[in-house]
Amino acid sequence: MNLNDFDYQLPRELIAIYPAERRDESRLMVVDRETQSISHHIFHEVVNLLPQPGILVRNNTRVFPARLRGHKNPDGGRVEVLLIKLIEPNVFEAMVRPARRLKKGQKIDFGELTGTIIKKLEGGTRLIEFNCPDLMAKLTDLGEIPLPPYINRKTAGIDADRYQTVYADKSGSVAAPTAGLHFTPEILNKLRKNQVEIADVTLHVGPGTFKPVKSENIIEHKMDYEEYSVTGDNWRKIKNSQAPLTAVGTTSVRTIETILSNETPKLSGMTNLFITPGYRFKRVDHLLTNFHLPRSTLLMLVAAFAGLELTRKAYQVAVEEKYRFYSYGDAMLIL
């Protein structure tokens, strides 16, 4: 398929720069594939919209303070670092700016923390070794939550709470699984009372989630690898349930479908599964998701699930009805 098939025009004022006042007060568009109908709701109504009994699969990854701002040692030039993946207790793979001026051996000071570039990797990322064995603990004080580039503002106090799901548990993502940002403990408890079982998977979201698709033929695009895992207990819930399964977000979909793509289910590993129209879903019955960027791999997954024409129709209606888009925006439930 052609990249232009996944393009649409979005007025800038519809990009959500801040979250809704309350998580569950976001708007919720419901798209019914069988009837091709679209209806409009508030997110807290989801407790009566999901199939009951059912099973809800959510991604419990946690965003860590992955952005560091420092200075080159000794000349003092400003440096911005986005940590991607912990390789060893004190070594991270990272994206750096300005990249051309940061060579092997360059030291960078981040207050009381110092990092040294020890290797340049394919794709332009660097390995940075820090002078601190308990690095993740230090990041709590020194790092920032890395907001997506389209949220064109500085990180604020509200983001430490609202750019995490209420069930975030396993630290390792540089971006939130945003479909889950709308849930509250109260909604989750009501769903359980309504016989909706909840199962967790983990997929640590990397910067590749924002990587633009440049190939006109989308099949030529290569996804970055991301780490996933699921416990045996949670996998048994997913595998054994006969109830309709609703995946919270594209990352939950990709985790479930990755595991089922193996002849023998592999409950942890790396995935670069790229889901495009024509893909045959193995287990996911319904999808809860946000509204995604034009030409993005996330939008392509949604189109694979809902159908390209219905997806286009839903996005056109969302723009006309002034839904809020992207990470802090509104939600869509595809039945």
Protein backbone atom coordinates (compact mmCIF):
# COMPACT_ATOMS: atom_id res chain seq x y z
CA MET A 1 0.00 0.00 0.00
CA ASN A 2 1.03 3.57 -0.60
CA LEU A 3 2.10 5.93 2.17
CA ASN A 4 -0.35 8.59 0.98
CA ASP A 5 -3.24 6.25 1.81
CA PHE A 6 -2.58 7.05 5.49
CA ASP A 7 -2.38 10.82 5.25
CA TYR A 8 -4.91 13.32 6.57
CA GLN A 9 -5.02 17.01 7.41
CA LEU A 10 -5.11 17.95 11.09
CA PRO A 11 -5.54 21.54 12.34
CA ARG A 12 -2.77 22.25 14.85
CA GLU A 13 -5.28 23.41 17.46
CA LEU A 14 -6.60 19.83 17.73
CA ILE A 15 -3.25 18.52 19.02
CA ALA A 16 -3.66 18.05 22.77
CA ILE A 17 -0.84 19.88 24.54
CA TYR A 18 -2.12 19.14 28.06
CA PRO A 19 -4.24 16.25 29.36
CA ALA A 20 -7.94 16.59 30.11
CA GLU A 21 -8.72 17.82 33.62
CA ARG A 22 -9.78 14.30 34.60
CA ARG A 23 -8.48 11.13 32.97
CA ASP A 24 -11.94 9.65 32.44
CA GLU A 25 -13.47 12.87 31.08
CA SER A 26 -11.77 12.51 27.71
CA ARG A 27 -14.13 11.95 24.80
CA LEU A 28 -14.58 8.44 23.42
CA MET A 29 -15.54 7.68 19.83
CA VAL A 30 -17.04 4.21 19.35
CA VAL A 31 -16.58 2.69 15.90
CA ASP A 32 -18.63 -0.42 15.11
CA ARG A 33 -17.09 -2.47 12.30
CA GLU A 34 -20.19 -4.57 11.74
CA THR A 35 -22.64 -1.68 11.29
CA GLN A 36 -20.00 0.84 10.08
CA SER A 37 -21.51 3.28 12.59
CA ILE A 38 -19.84 5.92 14.74
CA SER A 39 -21.13 7.22 18.08
CA HIS A 40 -19.81 9.70 20.61
CA HIS A 41 -19.34 9.20 24.35
CA ILE A 42 -17.31 10.22 27.41
CA PHE A 43 -14.58 7.80 28.42
CA HIS A 44 -16.11 6.81 31.75
CA GLU A 45 -18.96 5.24 29.76
CA VAL A 46 -16.51 2.54 28.67
CA VAL A 47 -17.64 0.43 31.65
CA ASN A 48 -20.92 -0.21 29.81
CA LEU A 49 -19.50 -0.29 26.27
CA LEU A 50 -16.99 -3.12 26.58
CA PRO A 51 -18.26 -6.70 26.08
CA GLN A 52 -19.28 -8.35 29.37
CA PRO A 53 -17.97 -10.85 30.23
CA GLY A 54 -14.73 -9.98 28.50
CA ILE A 55 -11.01 -9.68 28.95
CA LEU A 56 -9.05 -6.41 28.85
CA VAL A 57 -5.34 -6.60 28.01
CA ARG A 58 -3.25 -3.57 28.95
CA ASN A 59 0.44 -2.63 28.72
CA ASN A 60 1.87 -2.03 32.20
CA THR A 61 5.14 -0.44 31.08
CA ARG A 62 6.29 2.68 32.91
CA VAL A 63 7.93 5.74 31.37
CA PHE A 64 11.25 6.52 33.02
CA PRO A 65 12.89 10.01 33.22
CA ALA A 66 14.86 9.37 30.05
CA ARG A 67 15.75 12.93 28.99
CA LEU A 68 18.94 14.45 30.40
CA ARG A 69 20.30 17.93 29.77
CA GLY A 70 24.00 18.50 30.33
CA HIS A 71 27.18 20.15 29.13
CA LYS A 72 30.23 18.91 27.28
CA ASN A 73 33.37 18.58 29.37
CA PRO A 74 35.48 20.72 29.19
CA ASP A 75 34.08 23.31 26.72
CA GLY A 76 30.61 23.62 28.29
CA GLY A 77 28.53 23.18 25.11
CA ARG A 78 24.93 22.18 25.72
CA VAL A 79 23.96 18.56 25.20
CA GLU A 80 20.58 16.80 25.23
CA VAL A 81 20.42 13.04 25.71
CA LEU A 82 17.48 10.68 25.34
CA LEU A 83 18.21 7.39 27.04
CA ILE A 84 16.72 4.46 25.15
CA LYS A 85 17.76 1.19 26.72
CA LEU A 86 19.83 0.04 29.69
CA ILE A 87 22.57 -2.24 28.33
CA GLU A 88 24.51 -2.80 31.55
CA PRO A 89 23.97 -1.42 35.09
CA ASN A 90 25.73 1.86 34.15
CA VAL A 91 25.64 1.81 30.32
CA PHE A 92 22.75 3.14 28.23
CA GLU A 93 22.05 3.26 24.54
CA ALA A 94 21.04 6.85 23.84
CA MET A 95 20.16 9.43 21.23
CA VAL A 96 22.25 12.60 21.54
CA ARG A 97 22.10 16.19 20.29
CA PRO A 98 24.11 17.74 18.70
CA ALA A 99 25.09 14.30 17.36
CA ARG A 100 27.91 15.33 14.99
CA ARG A 101 29.91 16.97 17.76
CA LEU A 102 29.72 14.09 20.22
CA LYS A 103 32.48 11.61 19.44
CA LYS A 104 33.80 8.54 21.22
CA GLY A 105 35.52 9.54 24.47
CA GLN A 106 33.51 12.75 24.93
CA LYS A 107 32.53 13.38 28.55
CA ILE A 108 29.20 14.99 29.41
CA ASP A 109 28.37 16.48 32.81
CA PHE A 110 24.80 16.26 34.16
CA GLY A 111 25.24 17.94 37.51
CA GLU A 112 26.73 15.34 39.86
CA LEU A 113 26.45 12.68 37.14
CA THR A 114 29.01 12.25 34.34
CA GLY A 115 28.65 10.16 31.20
CA THR A 116 31.28 9.15 28.65
CA ILE A 117 30.48 8.19 25.06
CA ILE A 118 32.12 4.80 24.52
CA LYS A 119 30.73 3.77 21.14
CA LYS A 120 28.72 4.98 18.15
CA LEU A 121 26.15 2.45 16.97
CA GLU A 122 24.53 1.89 13.60
CA GLY A 123 21.65 4.27 13.19
CA GLY A 124 23.46 7.07 14.99
CA THR A 125 22.75 6.21 18.63
CA ARG A 126 25.58 6.11 21.19
CA LEU A 127 26.56 3.94 24.12
CA ILE A 128 27.11 6.15 27.16
CA GLU A 129 28.83 4.86 30.30
CA PHE A 130 27.91 6.69 33.49
CA ASN A 131 29.94 7.08 36.67
CA CYS A 132 27.10 5.65 38.75
CA PRO A 133 26.17 1.98 39.25
CA ASP A 134 22.68 2.88 40.56
CA LEU A 135 21.80 4.94 37.54
CA MET A 136 18.02 4.40 37.45
CA ALA A 137 17.71 5.81 40.97
CA LYS A 138 19.71 8.90 39.99
CA LEU A 139 17.44 9.53 37.01
CA THR A 140 14.53 10.17 39.35
CA ASP A 141 16.29 13.36 40.46
CA LEU A 142 18.18 14.35 37.30
CA GLY A 143 16.06 13.20 34.39
CA GLU A 144 12.87 14.48 32.77
CA ILE A 145 9.84 12.63 31.45
CA PRO A 146 10.39 12.73 27.66
CA LEU A 147 7.24 14.20 26.15
CA PRO A 148 6.63 13.49 22.44
CA PRO A 149 8.00 16.09 20.01
CA TYR A 150 4.52 17.29 18.97
CA ILE A 151 3.80 18.43 22.55
CA ASN A 152 5.66 21.65 21.95
CA ARG A 153 6.31 22.78 25.51
CA LYS A 154 8.61 22.09 28.43
CA THR A 155 7.86 19.22 30.75
CA ALA A 156 5.60 20.39 33.59
CA GLY A 157 4.81 19.02 37.04
CA ILE A 158 1.54 17.51 35.81
CA ASP A 159 3.38 15.23 33.38
CA ALA A 160 5.06 13.13 36.08
CA ASP A 161 1.60 11.80 36.96
CA ARG A 162 -0.51 12.17 33.83
CA TYR A 163 2.02 10.82 31.32
CA GLN A 164 1.82 7.48 33.14
CA THR A 165 -1.05 5.03 33.28
CA VAL A 166 -2.45 4.42 36.78
CA TYR A 167 -1.28 0.81 36.46
CA ALA A 168 2.27 1.58 35.20
CA ASP A 169 4.59 -0.91 36.88
CA LYS A 170 7.58 -2.05 34.77
CA SER A 171 10.00 0.82 34.08
CA GLY A 172 11.57 0.97 30.64
CA SER A 173 9.61 3.11 28.15
CA VAL A 174 10.50 6.47 26.64
CA ALA A 175 6.85 7.02 25.63
CA ALA A 176 3.60 6.15 27.35
CA PRO A 177 1.12 3.58 26.00
CA THR A 178 -1.32 6.43 25.66
CA ALA A 179 -4.60 4.55 25.19
CA GLY A 180 -4.29 3.54 28.83
CA LEU A 181 -3.98 7.11 30.13
CA HIS A 182 -7.77 7.45 30.33
CA PHE A 183 -8.31 4.71 32.89
CA THR A 184 -8.82 5.40 36.60
CA PRO A 185 -8.79 2.89 39.47
CA GLU A 186 -12.55 3.40 39.78
CA ILE A 187 -13.17 2.45 36.14
CA LEU A 188 -10.97 -0.62 36.42
CA ASN A 189 -12.82 -1.74 39.55
CA LYS A 190 -16.20 -1.27 37.84
CA LEU A 191 -15.01 -3.33 34.87
CA ARG A 192 -13.96 -6.15 37.19
CA LYS A 193 -17.41 -6.07 38.81
CA ASN A 194 -18.90 -6.26 35.30
CA GLN A 195 -17.01 -9.54 34.69
CA VAL A 196 -14.23 -7.99 32.63
CA GLU A 197 -11.02 -9.79 33.52
CA ILE A 198 -7.78 -7.80 33.30
CA ALA A 199 -4.46 -9.17 32.07
CA ASP A 200 -1.15 -7.29 31.84
CA VAL A 201 1.54 -7.48 29.19
CA THR A 202 4.70 -5.38 28.99
CA LEU A 203 6.13 -3.72 25.90
CA HIS A 204 8.73 -1.03 26.50
CA VAL A 205 8.00 1.71 23.99
CA GLY A 206 11.09 3.05 22.23
CA PRO A 207 11.66 6.20 20.16
CA GLY A 208 10.86 4.17 17.04
CA THR A 209 7.19 4.75 17.84
CA PHE A 210 7.72 8.29 16.45
CA LYS A 211 9.97 7.17 13.58
CA PRO A 212 8.49 8.50 10.33
CA VAL A 213 7.66 6.10 7.52
CA LYS A 214 9.66 7.28 4.51
CA SER A 215 9.04 4.44 2.05
CA GLU A 216 6.23 5.16 -0.43
CA ASN A 217 5.57 1.42 -0.37
CA ILE A 218 4.88 0.99 3.34
CA ILE A 219 5.88 -2.68 3.33
CA GLU A 220 9.49 -1.55 2.87
CA HIS A 221 9.47 0.23 6.26
CA LYS A 222 11.44 -1.47 9.04
CA MET A 223 10.19 -1.17 12.61
CA ASP A 224 12.67 -0.76 15.45
CA TYR A 225 12.89 -3.65 17.88
CA GLU A 226 11.21 -3.23 21.28
CA GLU A 227 11.36 -5.46 24.33
CA TYR A 228 8.22 -7.32 25.45
CA SER A 229 7.28 -9.80 28.17
CA VAL A 230 4.26 -11.38 29.82
CA THR A 231 4.05 -13.55 32.91
CA GLY A 232 2.83 -17.13 32.66
CA ASP A 233 -0.24 -16.32 34.75
CA ASN A 234 -1.26 -13.42 32.52
CA TRP A 235 -0.64 -15.42 29.38
CA ARG A 236 -2.85 -18.22 30.65
CA LYS A 237 -5.61 -15.65 31.24
CA ILE A 238 -5.30 -14.47 27.65
CA LYS A 239 -4.96 -17.94 26.17
CA ASN A 240 -7.69 -19.66 28.15
CA SER A 241 -10.34 -16.95 28.12
CA GLN A 242 -13.23 -17.62 25.76
CA ALA A 243 -14.52 -14.05 26.22
CA PRO A 244 -14.03 -11.25 23.69
CA LEU A 245 -10.59 -9.64 24.10
CA THR A 246 -10.13 -5.88 24.07
CA ALA A 247 -6.55 -4.66 23.67
CA VAL A 248 -5.68 -1.33 25.25
CA GLY A 249 -3.46 0.33 22.69
CA THR A 250 -1.36 -0.72 19.73
CA THR A 251 1.46 -1.93 21.98
CA SER A 252 -0.81 -4.50 23.64
CA VAL A 253 -1.92 -5.67 20.18
CA ARG A 254 1.65 -6.06 18.96
CA THR A 255 2.64 -7.99 22.09
CA ILE A 256 -0.26 -10.45 21.86
CA GLU A 257 0.17 -10.94 18.13
CA THR A 258 3.96 -11.34 18.43
CA ILE A 259 3.60 -14.12 20.98
CA LEU A 260 1.02 -15.93 18.84
CA SER A 261 3.18 -15.55 15.72
CA ASN A 262 5.63 -18.08 17.16
CA GLU A 263 4.85 -21.77 16.75
CA THR A 264 5.63 -22.15 20.44
CA PRO A 265 4.58 -19.00 22.35
CA LYS A 266 7.63 -17.05 23.49
CA LEU A 267 6.68 -15.00 26.54
CA SER A 268 9.59 -12.56 26.38
CA GLY A 269 11.91 -11.21 23.74
CA MET A 270 12.17 -8.48 21.13
CA THR A 271 9.58 -7.58 18.52
CA ASN A 272 9.53 -5.43 15.40
CA LEU A 273 6.13 -6.68 14.25
CA PHE A 274 4.70 -4.23 11.69
CA ILE A 275 0.93 -4.61 11.28
CA THR A 276 -0.55 -3.19 8.10
CA PRO A 277 -3.85 -3.67 6.22
CA GLY A 278 -4.22 -7.28 5.14
CA TYR A 279 -2.85 -8.63 8.42
CA ARG A 280 -4.96 -11.42 9.95
CA PHE A 281 -5.39 -10.87 13.68
CA LYS A 282 -5.05 -14.01 15.77
CA ARG A 283 -6.64 -13.05 19.10
CA VAL A 284 -7.62 -9.37 19.37
CA ASP A 285 -11.38 -8.81 19.04
CA HIS A 286 -11.65 -5.11 19.96
CA LEU A 287 -9.19 -2.23 20.14
CA LEU A 288 -9.09 0.83 22.38
CA THR A 289 -6.70 3.42 21.03
CA ASN A 290 -5.99 7.15 20.71
CA PHE A 291 -5.91 9.20 17.50
CA HIS A 292 -2.53 8.89 15.80
CA LEU A 293 -0.22 10.90 13.57
CA PRO A 294 -0.72 10.87 9.79
CA ARG A 295 1.46 8.34 7.95
CA SER A 296 2.43 6.62 11.19
CA THR A 297 2.83 2.90 11.84
CA LEU A 298 0.24 3.27 14.61
CA LEU A 299 -2.36 4.58 12.19
CA MET A 300 -1.53 1.71 9.83
CA LEU A 301 -2.24 -0.81 12.60
CA VAL A 302 -5.60 0.85 13.30
CA ALA A 303 -6.45 0.71 9.58
CA ALA A 304 -5.49 -2.97 9.54
CA PHE A 305 -7.94 -3.60 12.37
CA ALA A 306 -10.87 -1.37 11.39
CA GLY A 307 -10.38 -1.28 7.62
CA LEU A 308 -8.85 1.62 5.75
CA GLU A 309 -12.09 3.25 4.60
CA LEU A 310 -13.75 3.09 8.03
CA THR A 311 -10.58 4.46 9.62
CA ARG A 312 -10.55 7.37 7.19
CA LYS A 313 -14.21 8.04 7.92
CA ALA A 314 -13.61 7.95 11.71
CA TYR A 315 -10.68 10.37 11.47
CA GLN A 316 -12.65 12.75 9.26
CA VAL A 317 -15.48 12.75 11.79
CA ALA A 318 -12.98 13.24 14.64
CA VAL A 319 -11.59 16.35 12.95
CA GLU A 320 -15.08 17.70 12.18
CA GLU A 321 -16.21 17.08 15.78
CA LYS A 322 -13.00 18.63 17.14
CA TYR A 323 -11.72 15.60 19.03
CA ARG A 324 -8.33 16.09 20.69
CA PHE A 325 -5.49 14.19 19.00
CA TYR A 326 -2.33 12.29 19.94
CA SER A 327 -0.88 11.29 23.31
CA TYR A 328 -2.93 13.55 25.60
CA GLY A 329 -5.95 13.43 23.31
CA ASP A 330 -9.23 11.54 23.17
CA ALA A 331 -9.86 7.83 22.62
CA MET A 332 -11.47 5.52 20.08
CA LEU A 333 -13.02 2.12 20.81
CA ILE A 334 -13.23 -0.14 17.76
CA LEU A 335 -15.79 -2.90 18.22
